[in-house]
Amino acid sequence: MSTLITKKDLKILVYFMQCYFCQTFYWSELKNQADAFRLEESEAYCIQLKNALVMMRQNYTWEEIKHIVGKHAGVRIKGEENVKYLINTIIDSLS
């Protein structure tokens, strides 16, 4: 696994996962939670999260991303389709 992801990237990702889409949410709520993040957080945070996710998508495999999210945000994601859905839905909401 490459070391392109920074502590700053991890911090914003963990913040989103712990405060906006923690284990108690259903996958069907992800888009609403990503939209809430966009509306409630500063533009700088939104840009930071989007850039971190785009960078991850470009530089890591889906398996690596799943591992990063699980390790740092404490969220278990099953399957490649779910991690793709997670990353792409958040990016789309922040675009």
C-alpha atoms as a PDB file:
ATOM      1  CA  MET A   1       0.000   0.000   0.000  1.00  0.00           C
ATOM      2  CA  SER A   2       1.281   3.401  -0.952  1.00  0.00           C
ATOM      3  CA  THR A   3       1.710   6.202   1.593  1.00  0.00           C
ATOM      4  CA  LEU A   4      -0.008   8.941  -0.404  1.00  0.00           C
ATOM      5  CA  ILE A   5      -2.786   9.474   2.127  1.00  0.00           C
ATOM      6  CA  THR A   6      -1.948  12.079   4.739  1.00  0.00           C
ATOM      7  CA  LYS A   7      -2.996  12.425   8.371  1.00  0.00           C
ATOM      8  CA  LYS A   8      -5.076  15.440   7.310  1.00  0.00           C
ATOM      9  CA  ASP A   9      -6.894  13.289   4.714  1.00  0.00           C
ATOM     10  CA  LEU A  10      -7.511  10.606   7.301  1.00  0.00           C
ATOM     11  CA  LYS A  11      -8.761  13.123   9.833  1.00  0.00           C
ATOM     12  CA  ILE A  12     -11.505  14.483   7.551  1.00  0.00           C
ATOM     13  CA  LEU A  13     -12.492  10.994   6.425  1.00  0.00           C
ATOM     14  CA  VAL A  14     -12.711   9.764  10.022  1.00  0.00           C
ATOM     15  CA  TYR A  15     -14.729  12.866  10.938  1.00  0.00           C
ATOM     16  CA  PHE A  16     -17.238  12.158   8.171  1.00  0.00           C
ATOM     17  CA  MET A  17     -17.491   8.471   9.032  1.00  0.00           C
ATOM     18  CA  GLN A  18     -17.903   9.041  12.771  1.00  0.00           C
ATOM     19  CA  CYS A  19     -20.216  12.049  12.654  1.00  0.00           C
ATOM     20  CA  TYR A  20     -22.198  11.678   9.440  1.00  0.00           C
ATOM     21  CA  PHE A  21     -22.197   8.005   8.474  1.00  0.00           C
ATOM     22  CA  CYS A  22     -21.401   5.826  11.457  1.00  0.00           C
ATOM     23  CA  GLN A  23     -22.217   2.117  11.747  1.00  0.00           C
ATOM     24  CA  THR A  24     -25.804   2.865  12.846  1.00  0.00           C
ATOM     25  CA  PHE A  25     -26.811   4.307   9.468  1.00  0.00           C
ATOM     26  CA  TYR A  26     -28.209   2.317   6.570  1.00  0.00           C
ATOM     27  CA  TRP A  27     -26.588   2.437   3.139  1.00  0.00           C
ATOM     28  CA  SER A  28     -29.781   4.034   1.820  1.00  0.00           C
ATOM     29  CA  GLU A  29     -29.043   7.054   4.056  1.00  0.00           C
ATOM     30  CA  LEU A  30     -25.541   7.711   2.723  1.00  0.00           C
ATOM     31  CA  LYS A  31     -26.526  10.265   0.071  1.00  0.00           C
ATOM     32  CA  ASN A  32     -28.596  12.257   2.578  1.00  0.00           C
ATOM     33  CA  GLN A  33     -25.719  12.224   5.060  1.00  0.00           C
ATOM     34  CA  ALA A  34     -23.208  13.322   2.418  1.00  0.00           C
ATOM     35  CA  ASP A  35     -25.598  16.115   1.395  1.00  0.00           C
ATOM     36  CA  ALA A  36     -25.928  17.127   5.070  1.00  0.00           C
ATOM     37  CA  PHE A  37     -22.133  17.308   5.342  1.00  0.00           C
ATOM     38  CA  ARG A  38     -22.027  19.566   2.269  1.00  0.00           C
ATOM     39  CA  LEU A  39     -24.692  21.872   3.709  1.00  0.00           C
ATOM     40  CA  GLU A  40     -23.479  21.983   7.306  1.00  0.00           C
ATOM     41  CA  GLU A  41     -19.704  22.028   7.009  1.00  0.00           C
ATOM     42  CA  SER A  42     -17.433  24.740   5.670  1.00  0.00           C
ATOM     43  CA  GLU A  43     -16.514  24.835   2.020  1.00  0.00           C
ATOM     44  CA  ALA A  44     -12.907  24.127   3.021  1.00  0.00           C
ATOM     45  CA  TYR A  45     -13.918  20.871   4.766  1.00  0.00           C
ATOM     46  CA  CYS A  46     -16.012  19.826   1.783  1.00  0.00           C
ATOM     47  CA  ILE A  47     -13.148  20.460  -0.614  1.00  0.00           C
ATOM     48  CA  GLN A  48     -10.723  18.664   1.684  1.00  0.00           C
ATOM     49  CA  LEU A  49     -12.936  15.570   1.936  1.00  0.00           C
ATOM     50  CA  LYS A  50     -13.655  15.481  -1.786  1.00  0.00           C
ATOM     51  CA  ASN A  51      -9.973  15.876  -2.672  1.00  0.00           C
ATOM     52  CA  ALA A  52      -8.973  13.148  -0.215  1.00  0.00           C
ATOM     53  CA  LEU A  53     -11.521  10.726  -1.653  1.00  0.00           C
ATOM     54  CA  VAL A  54     -10.613  11.518  -5.259  1.00  0.00           C
ATOM     55  CA  MET A  55      -6.937  11.003  -4.422  1.00  0.00           C
ATOM     56  CA  MET A  56      -7.727   7.686  -2.758  1.00  0.00           C
ATOM     57  CA  ARG A  57      -9.824   6.534  -5.702  1.00  0.00           C
ATOM     58  CA  GLN A  58      -7.006   7.400  -8.122  1.00  0.00           C
ATOM     59  CA  ASN A  59      -4.128   5.923  -6.133  1.00  0.00           C
ATOM     60  CA  TYR A  60      -5.430   2.930  -4.195  1.00  0.00           C
ATOM     61  CA  THR A  61      -7.249  -0.256  -5.023  1.00  0.00           C
ATOM     62  CA  TRP A  62     -10.767  -0.697  -3.657  1.00  0.00           C
ATOM     63  CA  GLU A  63      -9.421  -3.311  -1.265  1.00  0.00           C
ATOM     64  CA  GLU A  64      -6.850  -0.828   0.053  1.00  0.00           C
ATOM     65  CA  ILE A  65      -9.522   1.843   0.485  1.00  0.00           C
ATOM     66  CA  LYS A  66     -11.709  -0.622   2.358  1.00  0.00           C
ATOM     67  CA  HIS A  67      -8.762  -1.379   4.647  1.00  0.00           C
ATOM     68  CA  ILE A  68      -8.003   2.330   5.214  1.00  0.00           C
ATOM     69  CA  VAL A  69     -11.620   3.122   6.109  1.00  0.00           C
ATOM     70  CA  GLY A  70     -11.843   0.114   8.390  1.00  0.00           C
ATOM     71  CA  LYS A  71      -8.566   0.769  10.159  1.00  0.00           C
ATOM     72  CA  HIS A  72      -8.857   4.497  10.670  1.00  0.00           C
ATOM     73  CA  ALA A  73     -12.609   5.107  10.868  1.00  0.00           C
ATOM     74  CA  GLY A  74     -13.533   1.849  12.538  1.00  0.00           C
ATOM     75  CA  VAL A  75     -16.126   1.020   9.904  1.00  0.00           C
ATOM     76  CA  ARG A  76     -16.351  -2.450   8.419  1.00  0.00           C
ATOM     77  CA  ILE A  77     -17.346  -2.443   4.782  1.00  0.00           C
ATOM     78  CA  LYS A  78     -18.200  -5.676   3.033  1.00  0.00           C
ATOM     79  CA  GLY A  79     -17.376  -6.051  -0.629  1.00  0.00           C
ATOM     80  CA  GLU A  80     -15.925  -3.904  -3.338  1.00  0.00           C
ATOM     81  CA  GLU A  81     -19.330  -2.635  -4.489  1.00  0.00           C
ATOM     82  CA  ASN A  82     -20.021  -1.093  -1.068  1.00  0.00           C
ATOM     83  CA  VAL A  83     -16.701   0.720  -0.871  1.00  0.00           C
ATOM     84  CA  LYS A  84     -17.184   2.015  -4.433  1.00  0.00           C
ATOM     85  CA  TYR A  85     -20.664   3.181  -3.501  1.00  0.00           C
ATOM     86  CA  LEU A  86     -19.362   4.907  -0.367  1.00  0.00           C
ATOM     87  CA  ILE A  87     -16.570   6.816  -2.085  1.00  0.00           C
ATOM     88  CA  ASN A  88     -18.459   7.678  -5.278  1.00  0.00           C
ATOM     89  CA  THR A  89     -21.622   8.801  -3.458  1.00  0.00           C
ATOM     90  CA  ILE A  90     -19.715  11.164  -1.192  1.00  0.00           C
ATOM     91  CA  ILE A  91     -17.709  12.582  -4.102  1.00  0.00           C
ATOM     92  CA  ASP A  92     -20.898  13.081  -6.131  1.00  0.00           C
ATOM     93  CA  SER A  93     -22.600  14.902  -3.248  1.00  0.00           C
ATOM     94  CA  LEU A  94     -19.616  17.194  -2.808  1.00  0.00           C
ATOM     95  CA  SER A  95     -19.296  17.982  -6.528  1.00  0.00           C
END
